[in-house]
Amino acid sequence: KRKILLLPHLSLWIFVIISCLFIPE
C-alpha cells in the first residue's frame, strides 16, 4: 500500500546513467 511514484525512479535513472557515461567503456 505504498504509492509508486515514477518521477523519483526516472530522475534516478537519468542521474545514474549520465554519471556512468562519464567513464567511457
PDBML (XML) file of the C-alpha atoms, coordinates in Angstrom:
<?xml version="1.0" encoding="UTF-8" ?>
<PDBx:datablock datablockName="MODEL"
   xmlns:PDBx="http://pdbml.pdb.org/schema/pdbx-v50.xsd"
   xmlns:xsi="http://www.w3.org/2001/XMLSchema-instance"
   xsi:schemaLocation="http://pdbml.pdb.org/schema/pdbx-v50.xsd pdbx-v50.xsd">
   <PDBx:atom_siteCategory>
      <PDBx:atom_site id="1">
         <PDBx:B_iso_or_equiv>0.00</PDBx:B_iso_or_equiv>
         <PDBx:Cartn_x>0.000</PDBx:Cartn_x>
         <PDBx:Cartn_y>0.000</PDBx:Cartn_y>
         <PDBx:Cartn_z>0.000</PDBx:Cartn_z>
         <PDBx:auth_asym_id>A</PDBx:auth_asym_id>
         <PDBx:auth_atom_id>CA</PDBx:auth_atom_id>
         <PDBx:auth_comp_id>LYS</PDBx:auth_comp_id>
         <PDBx:auth_seq_id>1</PDBx:auth_seq_id>
         <PDBx:group_PDB>ATOM</PDBx:group_PDB>
         <PDBx:label_alt_id xsi:nil="true" />
         <PDBx:label_asym_id>A</PDBx:label_asym_id>
         <PDBx:label_atom_id>CA</PDBx:label_atom_id>
         <PDBx:label_comp_id>LYS</PDBx:label_comp_id>
         <PDBx:label_entity_id>1</PDBx:label_entity_id>
         <PDBx:label_seq_id>1</PDBx:label_seq_id>
         <PDBx:occupancy>1.00</PDBx:occupancy>
         <PDBx:pdbx_PDB_model_num>1</PDBx:pdbx_PDB_model_num>
         <PDBx:type_symbol>C</PDBx:type_symbol>
      </PDBx:atom_site>
      <PDBx:atom_site id="2">
         <PDBx:B_iso_or_equiv>0.00</PDBx:B_iso_or_equiv>
         <PDBx:Cartn_x>2.841</PDBx:Cartn_x>
         <PDBx:Cartn_y>2.350</PDBx:Cartn_y>
         <PDBx:Cartn_z>-0.883</PDBx:Cartn_z>
         <PDBx:auth_asym_id>A</PDBx:auth_asym_id>
         <PDBx:auth_atom_id>CA</PDBx:auth_atom_id>
         <PDBx:auth_comp_id>ARG</PDBx:auth_comp_id>
         <PDBx:auth_seq_id>2</PDBx:auth_seq_id>
         <PDBx:group_PDB>ATOM</PDBx:group_PDB>
         <PDBx:label_alt_id xsi:nil="true" />
         <PDBx:label_asym_id>A</PDBx:label_asym_id>
         <PDBx:label_atom_id>CA</PDBx:label_atom_id>
         <PDBx:label_comp_id>ARG</PDBx:label_comp_id>
         <PDBx:label_entity_id>1</PDBx:label_entity_id>
         <PDBx:label_seq_id>2</PDBx:label_seq_id>
         <PDBx:occupancy>1.00</PDBx:occupancy>
         <PDBx:pdbx_PDB_model_num>1</PDBx:pdbx_PDB_model_num>
         <PDBx:type_symbol>C</PDBx:type_symbol>
      </PDBx:atom_site>
      <PDBx:atom_site id="3">
         <PDBx:B_iso_or_equiv>0.00</PDBx:B_iso_or_equiv>
         <PDBx:Cartn_x>2.334</PDBx:Cartn_x>
         <PDBx:Cartn_y>4.633</PDBx:Cartn_y>
         <PDBx:Cartn_z>-3.883</PDBx:Cartn_z>
         <PDBx:auth_asym_id>A</PDBx:auth_asym_id>
         <PDBx:auth_atom_id>CA</PDBx:auth_atom_id>
         <PDBx:auth_comp_id>LYS</PDBx:auth_comp_id>
         <PDBx:auth_seq_id>3</PDBx:auth_seq_id>
         <PDBx:group_PDB>ATOM</PDBx:group_PDB>
         <PDBx:label_alt_id xsi:nil="true" />
         <PDBx:label_asym_id>A</PDBx:label_asym_id>
         <PDBx:label_atom_id>CA</PDBx:label_atom_id>
         <PDBx:label_comp_id>LYS</PDBx:label_comp_id>
         <PDBx:label_entity_id>1</PDBx:label_entity_id>
         <PDBx:label_seq_id>3</PDBx:label_seq_id>
         <PDBx:occupancy>1.00</PDBx:occupancy>
         <PDBx:pdbx_PDB_model_num>1</PDBx:pdbx_PDB_model_num>
         <PDBx:type_symbol>C</PDBx:type_symbol>
      </PDBx:atom_site>
      <PDBx:atom_site id="4">
         <PDBx:B_iso_or_equiv>0.00</PDBx:B_iso_or_equiv>
         <PDBx:Cartn_x>4.561</PDBx:Cartn_x>
         <PDBx:Cartn_y>4.002</PDBx:Cartn_y>
         <PDBx:Cartn_z>-6.877</PDBx:Cartn_z>
         <PDBx:auth_asym_id>A</PDBx:auth_asym_id>
         <PDBx:auth_atom_id>CA</PDBx:auth_atom_id>
         <PDBx:auth_comp_id>ILE</PDBx:auth_comp_id>
         <PDBx:auth_seq_id>4</PDBx:auth_seq_id>
         <PDBx:group_PDB>ATOM</PDBx:group_PDB>
         <PDBx:label_alt_id xsi:nil="true" />
         <PDBx:label_asym_id>A</PDBx:label_asym_id>
         <PDBx:label_atom_id>CA</PDBx:label_atom_id>
         <PDBx:label_comp_id>ILE</PDBx:label_comp_id>
         <PDBx:label_entity_id>1</PDBx:label_entity_id>
         <PDBx:label_seq_id>4</PDBx:label_seq_id>
         <PDBx:occupancy>1.00</PDBx:occupancy>
         <PDBx:pdbx_PDB_model_num>1</PDBx:pdbx_PDB_model_num>
         <PDBx:type_symbol>C</PDBx:type_symbol>
      </PDBx:atom_site>
      <PDBx:atom_site id="5">
         <PDBx:B_iso_or_equiv>0.00</PDBx:B_iso_or_equiv>
         <PDBx:Cartn_x>5.961</PDBx:Cartn_x>
         <PDBx:Cartn_y>7.364</PDBx:Cartn_y>
         <PDBx:Cartn_z>-7.982</PDBx:Cartn_z>
         <PDBx:auth_asym_id>A</PDBx:auth_asym_id>
         <PDBx:auth_atom_id>CA</PDBx:auth_atom_id>
         <PDBx:auth_comp_id>LEU</PDBx:auth_comp_id>
         <PDBx:auth_seq_id>5</PDBx:auth_seq_id>
         <PDBx:group_PDB>ATOM</PDBx:group_PDB>
         <PDBx:label_alt_id xsi:nil="true" />
         <PDBx:label_asym_id>A</PDBx:label_asym_id>
         <PDBx:label_atom_id>CA</PDBx:label_atom_id>
         <PDBx:label_comp_id>LEU</PDBx:label_comp_id>
         <PDBx:label_entity_id>1</PDBx:label_entity_id>
         <PDBx:label_seq_id>5</PDBx:label_seq_id>
         <PDBx:occupancy>1.00</PDBx:occupancy>
         <PDBx:pdbx_PDB_model_num>1</PDBx:pdbx_PDB_model_num>
         <PDBx:type_symbol>C</PDBx:type_symbol>
      </PDBx:atom_site>
      <PDBx:atom_site id="6">
         <PDBx:B_iso_or_equiv>0.00</PDBx:B_iso_or_equiv>
         <PDBx:Cartn_x>7.653</PDBx:Cartn_x>
         <PDBx:Cartn_y>7.259</PDBx:Cartn_y>
         <PDBx:Cartn_z>-11.370</PDBx:Cartn_z>
         <PDBx:auth_asym_id>A</PDBx:auth_asym_id>
         <PDBx:auth_atom_id>CA</PDBx:auth_atom_id>
         <PDBx:auth_comp_id>LEU</PDBx:auth_comp_id>
         <PDBx:auth_seq_id>6</PDBx:auth_seq_id>
         <PDBx:group_PDB>ATOM</PDBx:group_PDB>
         <PDBx:label_alt_id xsi:nil="true" />
         <PDBx:label_asym_id>A</PDBx:label_asym_id>
         <PDBx:label_atom_id>CA</PDBx:label_atom_id>
         <PDBx:label_comp_id>LEU</PDBx:label_comp_id>
         <PDBx:label_entity_id>1</PDBx:label_entity_id>
         <PDBx:label_seq_id>6</PDBx:label_seq_id>
         <PDBx:occupancy>1.00</PDBx:occupancy>
         <PDBx:pdbx_PDB_model_num>1</PDBx:pdbx_PDB_model_num>
         <PDBx:type_symbol>C</PDBx:type_symbol>
      </PDBx:atom_site>
      <PDBx:atom_site id="7">
         <PDBx:B_iso_or_equiv>0.00</PDBx:B_iso_or_equiv>
         <PDBx:Cartn_x>9.423</PDBx:Cartn_x>
         <PDBx:Cartn_y>10.641</PDBx:Cartn_y>
         <PDBx:Cartn_z>-11.243</PDBx:Cartn_z>
         <PDBx:auth_asym_id>A</PDBx:auth_asym_id>
         <PDBx:auth_atom_id>CA</PDBx:auth_atom_id>
         <PDBx:auth_comp_id>LEU</PDBx:auth_comp_id>
         <PDBx:auth_seq_id>7</PDBx:auth_seq_id>
         <PDBx:group_PDB>ATOM</PDBx:group_PDB>
         <PDBx:label_alt_id xsi:nil="true" />
         <PDBx:label_asym_id>A</PDBx:label_asym_id>
         <PDBx:label_atom_id>CA</PDBx:label_atom_id>
         <PDBx:label_comp_id>LEU</PDBx:label_comp_id>
         <PDBx:label_entity_id>1</PDBx:label_entity_id>
         <PDBx:label_seq_id>7</PDBx:label_seq_id>
         <PDBx:occupancy>1.00</PDBx:occupancy>
         <PDBx:pdbx_PDB_model_num>1</PDBx:pdbx_PDB_model_num>
         <PDBx:type_symbol>C</PDBx:type_symbol>
      </PDBx:atom_site>
      <PDBx:atom_site id="8">
         <PDBx:B_iso_or_equiv>0.00</PDBx:B_iso_or_equiv>
         <PDBx:Cartn_x>11.919</PDBx:Cartn_x>
         <PDBx:Cartn_y>9.620</PDBx:Cartn_y>
         <PDBx:Cartn_z>-8.498</PDBx:Cartn_z>
         <PDBx:auth_asym_id>A</PDBx:auth_asym_id>
         <PDBx:auth_atom_id>CA</PDBx:auth_atom_id>
         <PDBx:auth_comp_id>PRO</PDBx:auth_comp_id>
         <PDBx:auth_seq_id>8</PDBx:auth_seq_id>
         <PDBx:group_PDB>ATOM</PDBx:group_PDB>
         <PDBx:label_alt_id xsi:nil="true" />
         <PDBx:label_asym_id>A</PDBx:label_asym_id>
         <PDBx:label_atom_id>CA</PDBx:label_atom_id>
         <PDBx:label_comp_id>PRO</PDBx:label_comp_id>
         <PDBx:label_entity_id>1</PDBx:label_entity_id>
         <PDBx:label_seq_id>8</PDBx:label_seq_id>
         <PDBx:occupancy>1.00</PDBx:occupancy>
         <PDBx:pdbx_PDB_model_num>1</PDBx:pdbx_PDB_model_num>
         <PDBx:type_symbol>C</PDBx:type_symbol>
      </PDBx:atom_site>
      <PDBx:atom_site id="9">
         <PDBx:B_iso_or_equiv>0.00</PDBx:B_iso_or_equiv>
         <PDBx:Cartn_x>12.806</PDBx:Cartn_x>
         <PDBx:Cartn_y>6.481</PDBx:Cartn_y>
         <PDBx:Cartn_z>-10.489</PDBx:Cartn_z>
         <PDBx:auth_asym_id>A</PDBx:auth_asym_id>
         <PDBx:auth_atom_id>CA</PDBx:auth_atom_id>
         <PDBx:auth_comp_id>HIS</PDBx:auth_comp_id>
         <PDBx:auth_seq_id>9</PDBx:auth_seq_id>
         <PDBx:group_PDB>ATOM</PDBx:group_PDB>
         <PDBx:label_alt_id xsi:nil="true" />
         <PDBx:label_asym_id>A</PDBx:label_asym_id>
         <PDBx:label_atom_id>CA</PDBx:label_atom_id>
         <PDBx:label_comp_id>HIS</PDBx:label_comp_id>
         <PDBx:label_entity_id>1</PDBx:label_entity_id>
         <PDBx:label_seq_id>9</PDBx:label_seq_id>
         <PDBx:occupancy>1.00</PDBx:occupancy>
         <PDBx:pdbx_PDB_model_num>1</PDBx:pdbx_PDB_model_num>
         <PDBx:type_symbol>C</PDBx:type_symbol>
      </PDBx:atom_site>
      <PDBx:atom_site id="10">
         <PDBx:B_iso_or_equiv>0.00</PDBx:B_iso_or_equiv>
         <PDBx:Cartn_x>13.127</PDBx:Cartn_x>
         <PDBx:Cartn_y>8.464</PDBx:Cartn_y>
         <PDBx:Cartn_z>-13.711</PDBx:Cartn_z>
         <PDBx:auth_asym_id>A</PDBx:auth_asym_id>
         <PDBx:auth_atom_id>CA</PDBx:auth_atom_id>
         <PDBx:auth_comp_id>LEU</PDBx:auth_comp_id>
         <PDBx:auth_seq_id>10</PDBx:auth_seq_id>
         <PDBx:group_PDB>ATOM</PDBx:group_PDB>
         <PDBx:label_alt_id xsi:nil="true" />
         <PDBx:label_asym_id>A</PDBx:label_asym_id>
         <PDBx:label_atom_id>CA</PDBx:label_atom_id>
         <PDBx:label_comp_id>LEU</PDBx:label_comp_id>
         <PDBx:label_entity_id>1</PDBx:label_entity_id>
         <PDBx:label_seq_id>10</PDBx:label_seq_id>
         <PDBx:occupancy>1.00</PDBx:occupancy>
         <PDBx:pdbx_PDB_model_num>1</PDBx:pdbx_PDB_model_num>
         <PDBx:type_symbol>C</PDBx:type_symbol>
      </PDBx:atom_site>
      <PDBx:atom_site id="11">
         <PDBx:B_iso_or_equiv>0.00</PDBx:B_iso_or_equiv>
         <PDBx:Cartn_x>15.377</PDBx:Cartn_x>
         <PDBx:Cartn_y>11.109</PDBx:Cartn_y>
         <PDBx:Cartn_z>-12.145</PDBx:Cartn_z>
         <PDBx:auth_asym_id>A</PDBx:auth_asym_id>
         <PDBx:auth_atom_id>CA</PDBx:auth_atom_id>
         <PDBx:auth_comp_id>SER</PDBx:auth_comp_id>
         <PDBx:auth_seq_id>11</PDBx:auth_seq_id>
         <PDBx:group_PDB>ATOM</PDBx:group_PDB>
         <PDBx:label_alt_id xsi:nil="true" />
         <PDBx:label_asym_id>A</PDBx:label_asym_id>
         <PDBx:label_atom_id>CA</PDBx:label_atom_id>
         <PDBx:label_comp_id>SER</PDBx:label_comp_id>
         <PDBx:label_entity_id>1</PDBx:label_entity_id>
         <PDBx:label_seq_id>11</PDBx:label_seq_id>
         <PDBx:occupancy>1.00</PDBx:occupancy>
         <PDBx:pdbx_PDB_model_num>1</PDBx:pdbx_PDB_model_num>
         <PDBx:type_symbol>C</PDBx:type_symbol>
      </PDBx:atom_site>
      <PDBx:atom_site id="12">
         <PDBx:B_iso_or_equiv>0.00</PDBx:B_iso_or_equiv>
         <PDBx:Cartn_x>17.448</PDBx:Cartn_x>
         <PDBx:Cartn_y>8.362</PDBx:Cartn_y>
         <PDBx:Cartn_z>-10.533</PDBx:Cartn_z>
         <PDBx:auth_asym_id>A</PDBx:auth_asym_id>
         <PDBx:auth_atom_id>CA</PDBx:auth_atom_id>
         <PDBx:auth_comp_id>LEU</PDBx:auth_comp_id>
         <PDBx:auth_seq_id>12</PDBx:auth_seq_id>
         <PDBx:group_PDB>ATOM</PDBx:group_PDB>
         <PDBx:label_alt_id xsi:nil="true" />
         <PDBx:label_asym_id>A</PDBx:label_asym_id>
         <PDBx:label_atom_id>CA</PDBx:label_atom_id>
         <PDBx:label_comp_id>LEU</PDBx:label_comp_id>
         <PDBx:label_entity_id>1</PDBx:label_entity_id>
         <PDBx:label_seq_id>12</PDBx:label_seq_id>
         <PDBx:occupancy>1.00</PDBx:occupancy>
         <PDBx:pdbx_PDB_model_num>1</PDBx:pdbx_PDB_model_num>
         <PDBx:type_symbol>C</PDBx:type_symbol>
      </PDBx:atom_site>
      <PDBx:atom_site id="13">
         <PDBx:B_iso_or_equiv>0.00</PDBx:B_iso_or_equiv>
         <PDBx:Cartn_x>17.906</PDBx:Cartn_x>
         <PDBx:Cartn_y>6.596</PDBx:Cartn_y>
         <PDBx:Cartn_z>-13.873</PDBx:Cartn_z>
         <PDBx:auth_asym_id>A</PDBx:auth_asym_id>
         <PDBx:auth_atom_id>CA</PDBx:auth_atom_id>
         <PDBx:auth_comp_id>TRP</PDBx:auth_comp_id>
         <PDBx:auth_seq_id>13</PDBx:auth_seq_id>
         <PDBx:group_PDB>ATOM</PDBx:group_PDB>
         <PDBx:label_alt_id xsi:nil="true" />
         <PDBx:label_asym_id>A</PDBx:label_asym_id>
         <PDBx:label_atom_id>CA</PDBx:label_atom_id>
         <PDBx:label_comp_id>TRP</PDBx:label_comp_id>
         <PDBx:label_entity_id>1</PDBx:label_entity_id>
         <PDBx:label_seq_id>13</PDBx:label_seq_id>
         <PDBx:occupancy>1.00</PDBx:occupancy>
         <PDBx:pdbx_PDB_model_num>1</PDBx:pdbx_PDB_model_num>
         <PDBx:type_symbol>C</PDBx:type_symbol>
      </PDBx:atom_site>
      <PDBx:atom_site id="14">
         <PDBx:B_iso_or_equiv>0.00</PDBx:B_iso_or_equiv>
         <PDBx:Cartn_x>18.957</PDBx:Cartn_x>
         <PDBx:Cartn_y>9.810</PDBx:Cartn_y>
         <PDBx:Cartn_z>-15.628</PDBx:Cartn_z>
         <PDBx:auth_asym_id>A</PDBx:auth_asym_id>
         <PDBx:auth_atom_id>CA</PDBx:auth_atom_id>
         <PDBx:auth_comp_id>ILE</PDBx:auth_comp_id>
         <PDBx:auth_seq_id>14</PDBx:auth_seq_id>
         <PDBx:group_PDB>ATOM</PDBx:group_PDB>
         <PDBx:label_alt_id xsi:nil="true" />
         <PDBx:label_asym_id>A</PDBx:label_asym_id>
         <PDBx:label_atom_id>CA</PDBx:label_atom_id>
         <PDBx:label_comp_id>ILE</PDBx:label_comp_id>
         <PDBx:label_entity_id>1</PDBx:label_entity_id>
         <PDBx:label_seq_id>14</PDBx:label_seq_id>
         <PDBx:occupancy>1.00</PDBx:occupancy>
         <PDBx:pdbx_PDB_model_num>1</PDBx:pdbx_PDB_model_num>
         <PDBx:type_symbol>C</PDBx:type_symbol>
      </PDBx:atom_site>
      <PDBx:atom_site id="15">
         <PDBx:B_iso_or_equiv>0.00</PDBx:B_iso_or_equiv>
         <PDBx:Cartn_x>21.442</PDBx:Cartn_x>
         <PDBx:Cartn_y>10.659</PDBx:Cartn_y>
         <PDBx:Cartn_z>-12.891</PDBx:Cartn_z>
         <PDBx:auth_asym_id>A</PDBx:auth_asym_id>
         <PDBx:auth_atom_id>CA</PDBx:auth_atom_id>
         <PDBx:auth_comp_id>PHE</PDBx:auth_comp_id>
         <PDBx:auth_seq_id>15</PDBx:auth_seq_id>
         <PDBx:group_PDB>ATOM</PDBx:group_PDB>
         <PDBx:label_alt_id xsi:nil="true" />
         <PDBx:label_asym_id>A</PDBx:label_asym_id>
         <PDBx:label_atom_id>CA</PDBx:label_atom_id>
         <PDBx:label_comp_id>PHE</PDBx:label_comp_id>
         <PDBx:label_entity_id>1</PDBx:label_entity_id>
         <PDBx:label_seq_id>15</PDBx:label_seq_id>
         <PDBx:occupancy>1.00</PDBx:occupancy>
         <PDBx:pdbx_PDB_model_num>1</PDBx:pdbx_PDB_model_num>
         <PDBx:type_symbol>C</PDBx:type_symbol>
      </PDBx:atom_site>
      <PDBx:atom_site id="16">
         <PDBx:B_iso_or_equiv>0.00</PDBx:B_iso_or_equiv>
         <PDBx:Cartn_x>22.993</PDBx:Cartn_x>
         <PDBx:Cartn_y>7.170</PDBx:Cartn_y>
         <PDBx:Cartn_z>-12.672</PDBx:Cartn_z>
         <PDBx:auth_asym_id>A</PDBx:auth_asym_id>
         <PDBx:auth_atom_id>CA</PDBx:auth_atom_id>
         <PDBx:auth_comp_id>VAL</PDBx:auth_comp_id>
         <PDBx:auth_seq_id>16</PDBx:auth_seq_id>
         <PDBx:group_PDB>ATOM</PDBx:group_PDB>
         <PDBx:label_alt_id xsi:nil="true" />
         <PDBx:label_asym_id>A</PDBx:label_asym_id>
         <PDBx:label_atom_id>CA</PDBx:label_atom_id>
         <PDBx:label_comp_id>VAL</PDBx:label_comp_id>
         <PDBx:label_entity_id>1</PDBx:label_entity_id>
         <PDBx:label_seq_id>16</PDBx:label_seq_id>
         <PDBx:occupancy>1.00</PDBx:occupancy>
         <PDBx:pdbx_PDB_model_num>1</PDBx:pdbx_PDB_model_num>
         <PDBx:type_symbol>C</PDBx:type_symbol>
      </PDBx:atom_site>
      <PDBx:atom_site id="17">
         <PDBx:B_iso_or_equiv>0.00</PDBx:B_iso_or_equiv>
         <PDBx:Cartn_x>23.293</PDBx:Cartn_x>
         <PDBx:Cartn_y>6.619</PDBx:Cartn_y>
         <PDBx:Cartn_z>-16.426</PDBx:Cartn_z>
         <PDBx:auth_asym_id>A</PDBx:auth_asym_id>
         <PDBx:auth_atom_id>CA</PDBx:auth_atom_id>
         <PDBx:auth_comp_id>ILE</PDBx:auth_comp_id>
         <PDBx:auth_seq_id>17</PDBx:auth_seq_id>
         <PDBx:group_PDB>ATOM</PDBx:group_PDB>
         <PDBx:label_alt_id xsi:nil="true" />
         <PDBx:label_asym_id>A</PDBx:label_asym_id>
         <PDBx:label_atom_id>CA</PDBx:label_atom_id>
         <PDBx:label_comp_id>ILE</PDBx:label_comp_id>
         <PDBx:label_entity_id>1</PDBx:label_entity_id>
         <PDBx:label_seq_id>17</PDBx:label_seq_id>
         <PDBx:occupancy>1.00</PDBx:occupancy>
         <PDBx:pdbx_PDB_model_num>1</PDBx:pdbx_PDB_model_num>
         <PDBx:type_symbol>C</PDBx:type_symbol>
      </PDBx:atom_site>
      <PDBx:atom_site id="18">
         <PDBx:B_iso_or_equiv>0.00</PDBx:B_iso_or_equiv>
         <PDBx:Cartn_x>24.802</PDBx:Cartn_x>
         <PDBx:Cartn_y>10.061</PDBx:Cartn_y>
         <PDBx:Cartn_z>-17.072</PDBx:Cartn_z>
         <PDBx:auth_asym_id>A</PDBx:auth_asym_id>
         <PDBx:auth_atom_id>CA</PDBx:auth_atom_id>
         <PDBx:auth_comp_id>ILE</PDBx:auth_comp_id>
         <PDBx:auth_seq_id>18</PDBx:auth_seq_id>
         <PDBx:group_PDB>ATOM</PDBx:group_PDB>
         <PDBx:label_alt_id xsi:nil="true" />
         <PDBx:label_asym_id>A</PDBx:label_asym_id>
         <PDBx:label_atom_id>CA</PDBx:label_atom_id>
         <PDBx:label_comp_id>ILE</PDBx:label_comp_id>
         <PDBx:label_entity_id>1</PDBx:label_entity_id>
         <PDBx:label_seq_id>18</PDBx:label_seq_id>
         <PDBx:occupancy>1.00</PDBx:occupancy>
         <PDBx:pdbx_PDB_model_num>1</PDBx:pdbx_PDB_model_num>
         <PDBx:type_symbol>C</PDBx:type_symbol>
      </PDBx:atom_site>
      <PDBx:atom_site id="19">
         <PDBx:B_iso_or_equiv>0.00</PDBx:B_iso_or_equiv>
         <PDBx:Cartn_x>27.281</PDBx:Cartn_x>
         <PDBx:Cartn_y>9.502</PDBx:Cartn_y>
         <PDBx:Cartn_z>-14.225</PDBx:Cartn_z>
         <PDBx:auth_asym_id>A</PDBx:auth_asym_id>
         <PDBx:auth_atom_id>CA</PDBx:auth_atom_id>
         <PDBx:auth_comp_id>SER</PDBx:auth_comp_id>
         <PDBx:auth_seq_id>19</PDBx:auth_seq_id>
         <PDBx:group_PDB>ATOM</PDBx:group_PDB>
         <PDBx:label_alt_id xsi:nil="true" />
         <PDBx:label_asym_id>A</PDBx:label_asym_id>
         <PDBx:label_atom_id>CA</PDBx:label_atom_id>
         <PDBx:label_comp_id>SER</PDBx:label_comp_id>
         <PDBx:label_entity_id>1</PDBx:label_entity_id>
         <PDBx:label_seq_id>19</PDBx:label_seq_id>
         <PDBx:occupancy>1.00</PDBx:occupancy>
         <PDBx:pdbx_PDB_model_num>1</PDBx:pdbx_PDB_model_num>
         <PDBx:type_symbol>C</PDBx:type_symbol>
      </PDBx:atom_site>
      <PDBx:atom_site id="20">
         <PDBx:B_iso_or_equiv>0.00</PDBx:B_iso_or_equiv>
         <PDBx:Cartn_x>28.374</PDBx:Cartn_x>
         <PDBx:Cartn_y>6.196</PDBx:Cartn_y>
         <PDBx:Cartn_z>-15.751</PDBx:Cartn_z>
         <PDBx:auth_asym_id>A</PDBx:auth_asym_id>
         <PDBx:auth_atom_id>CA</PDBx:auth_atom_id>
         <PDBx:auth_comp_id>CYS</PDBx:auth_comp_id>
         <PDBx:auth_seq_id>20</PDBx:auth_seq_id>
         <PDBx:group_PDB>ATOM</PDBx:group_PDB>
         <PDBx:label_alt_id xsi:nil="true" />
         <PDBx:label_asym_id>A</PDBx:label_asym_id>
         <PDBx:label_atom_id>CA</PDBx:label_atom_id>
         <PDBx:label_comp_id>CYS</PDBx:label_comp_id>
         <PDBx:label_entity_id>1</PDBx:label_entity_id>
         <PDBx:label_seq_id>20</PDBx:label_seq_id>
         <PDBx:occupancy>1.00</PDBx:occupancy>
         <PDBx:pdbx_PDB_model_num>1</PDBx:pdbx_PDB_model_num>
         <PDBx:type_symbol>C</PDBx:type_symbol>
      </PDBx:atom_site>
      <PDBx:atom_site id="21">
         <PDBx:B_iso_or_equiv>0.00</PDBx:B_iso_or_equiv>
         <PDBx:Cartn_x>28.676</PDBx:Cartn_x>
         <PDBx:Cartn_y>7.669</PDBx:Cartn_y>
         <PDBx:Cartn_z>-19.240</PDBx:Cartn_z>
         <PDBx:auth_asym_id>A</PDBx:auth_asym_id>
         <PDBx:auth_atom_id>CA</PDBx:auth_atom_id>
         <PDBx:auth_comp_id>LEU</PDBx:auth_comp_id>
         <PDBx:auth_seq_id>21</PDBx:auth_seq_id>
         <PDBx:group_PDB>ATOM</PDBx:group_PDB>
         <PDBx:label_alt_id xsi:nil="true" />
         <PDBx:label_asym_id>A</PDBx:label_asym_id>
         <PDBx:label_atom_id>CA</PDBx:label_atom_id>
         <PDBx:label_comp_id>LEU</PDBx:label_comp_id>
         <PDBx:label_entity_id>1</PDBx:label_entity_id>
         <PDBx:label_seq_id>21</PDBx:label_seq_id>
         <PDBx:occupancy>1.00</PDBx:occupancy>
         <PDBx:pdbx_PDB_model_num>1</PDBx:pdbx_PDB_model_num>
         <PDBx:type_symbol>C</PDBx:type_symbol>
      </PDBx:atom_site>
      <PDBx:atom_site id="22">
         <PDBx:B_iso_or_equiv>0.00</PDBx:B_iso_or_equiv>
         <PDBx:Cartn_x>31.448</PDBx:Cartn_x>
         <PDBx:Cartn_y>9.952</PDBx:Cartn_y>
         <PDBx:Cartn_z>-17.979</PDBx:Cartn_z>
         <PDBx:auth_asym_id>A</PDBx:auth_asym_id>
         <PDBx:auth_atom_id>CA</PDBx:auth_atom_id>
         <PDBx:auth_comp_id>PHE</PDBx:auth_comp_id>
         <PDBx:auth_seq_id>22</PDBx:auth_seq_id>
         <PDBx:group_PDB>ATOM</PDBx:group_PDB>
         <PDBx:label_alt_id xsi:nil="true" />
         <PDBx:label_asym_id>A</PDBx:label_asym_id>
         <PDBx:label_atom_id>CA</PDBx:label_atom_id>
         <PDBx:label_comp_id>PHE</PDBx:label_comp_id>
         <PDBx:label_entity_id>1</PDBx:label_entity_id>
         <PDBx:label_seq_id>22</PDBx:label_seq_id>
         <PDBx:occupancy>1.00</PDBx:occupancy>
         <PDBx:pdbx_PDB_model_num>1</PDBx:pdbx_PDB_model_num>
         <PDBx:type_symbol>C</PDBx:type_symbol>
      </PDBx:atom_site>
      <PDBx:atom_site id="23">
         <PDBx:B_iso_or_equiv>0.00</PDBx:B_iso_or_equiv>
         <PDBx:Cartn_x>33.640</PDBx:Cartn_x>
         <PDBx:Cartn_y>6.834</PDBx:Cartn_y>
         <PDBx:Cartn_z>-17.814</PDBx:Cartn_z>
         <PDBx:auth_asym_id>A</PDBx:auth_asym_id>
         <PDBx:auth_atom_id>CA</PDBx:auth_atom_id>
         <PDBx:auth_comp_id>ILE</PDBx:auth_comp_id>
         <PDBx:auth_seq_id>23</PDBx:auth_seq_id>
         <PDBx:group_PDB>ATOM</PDBx:group_PDB>
         <PDBx:label_alt_id xsi:nil="true" />
         <PDBx:label_asym_id>A</PDBx:label_asym_id>
         <PDBx:label_atom_id>CA</PDBx:label_atom_id>
         <PDBx:label_comp_id>ILE</PDBx:label_comp_id>
         <PDBx:label_entity_id>1</PDBx:label_entity_id>
         <PDBx:label_seq_id>23</PDBx:label_seq_id>
         <PDBx:occupancy>1.00</PDBx:occupancy>
         <PDBx:pdbx_PDB_model_num>1</PDBx:pdbx_PDB_model_num>
         <PDBx:type_symbol>C</PDBx:type_symbol>
      </PDBx:atom_site>
      <PDBx:atom_site id="24">
         <PDBx:B_iso_or_equiv>0.00</PDBx:B_iso_or_equiv>
         <PDBx:Cartn_x>33.822</PDBx:Cartn_x>
         <PDBx:Cartn_y>5.516</PDBx:Cartn_y>
         <PDBx:Cartn_z>-21.434</PDBx:Cartn_z>
         <PDBx:auth_asym_id>A</PDBx:auth_asym_id>
         <PDBx:auth_atom_id>CA</PDBx:auth_atom_id>
         <PDBx:auth_comp_id>PRO</PDBx:auth_comp_id>
         <PDBx:auth_seq_id>24</PDBx:auth_seq_id>
         <PDBx:group_PDB>ATOM</PDBx:group_PDB>
         <PDBx:label_alt_id xsi:nil="true" />
         <PDBx:label_asym_id>A</PDBx:label_asym_id>
         <PDBx:label_atom_id>CA</PDBx:label_atom_id>
         <PDBx:label_comp_id>PRO</PDBx:label_comp_id>
         <PDBx:label_entity_id>1</PDBx:label_entity_id>
         <PDBx:label_seq_id>24</PDBx:label_seq_id>
         <PDBx:occupancy>1.00</PDBx:occupancy>
         <PDBx:pdbx_PDB_model_num>1</PDBx:pdbx_PDB_model_num>
         <PDBx:type_symbol>C</PDBx:type_symbol>
      </PDBx:atom_site>
      <PDBx:atom_site id="25">
         <PDBx:B_iso_or_equiv>0.00</PDBx:B_iso_or_equiv>
         <PDBx:Cartn_x>33.962</PDBx:Cartn_x>
         <PDBx:Cartn_y>1.745</PDBx:Cartn_y>
         <PDBx:Cartn_z>-21.798</PDBx:Cartn_z>
         <PDBx:auth_asym_id>A</PDBx:auth_asym_id>
         <PDBx:auth_atom_id>CA</PDBx:auth_atom_id>
         <PDBx:auth_comp_id>GLU</PDBx:auth_comp_id>
         <PDBx:auth_seq_id>25</PDBx:auth_seq_id>
         <PDBx:group_PDB>ATOM</PDBx:group_PDB>
         <PDBx:label_alt_id xsi:nil="true" />
         <PDBx:label_asym_id>A</PDBx:label_asym_id>
         <PDBx:label_atom_id>CA</PDBx:label_atom_id>
         <PDBx:label_comp_id>GLU</PDBx:label_comp_id>
         <PDBx:label_entity_id>1</PDBx:label_entity_id>
         <PDBx:label_seq_id>25</PDBx:label_seq_id>
         <PDBx:occupancy>1.00</PDBx:occupancy>
         <PDBx:pdbx_PDB_model_num>1</PDBx:pdbx_PDB_model_num>
         <PDBx:type_symbol>C</PDBx:type_symbol>
      </PDBx:atom_site>
   </PDBx:atom_siteCategory>
</PDBx:datablock>
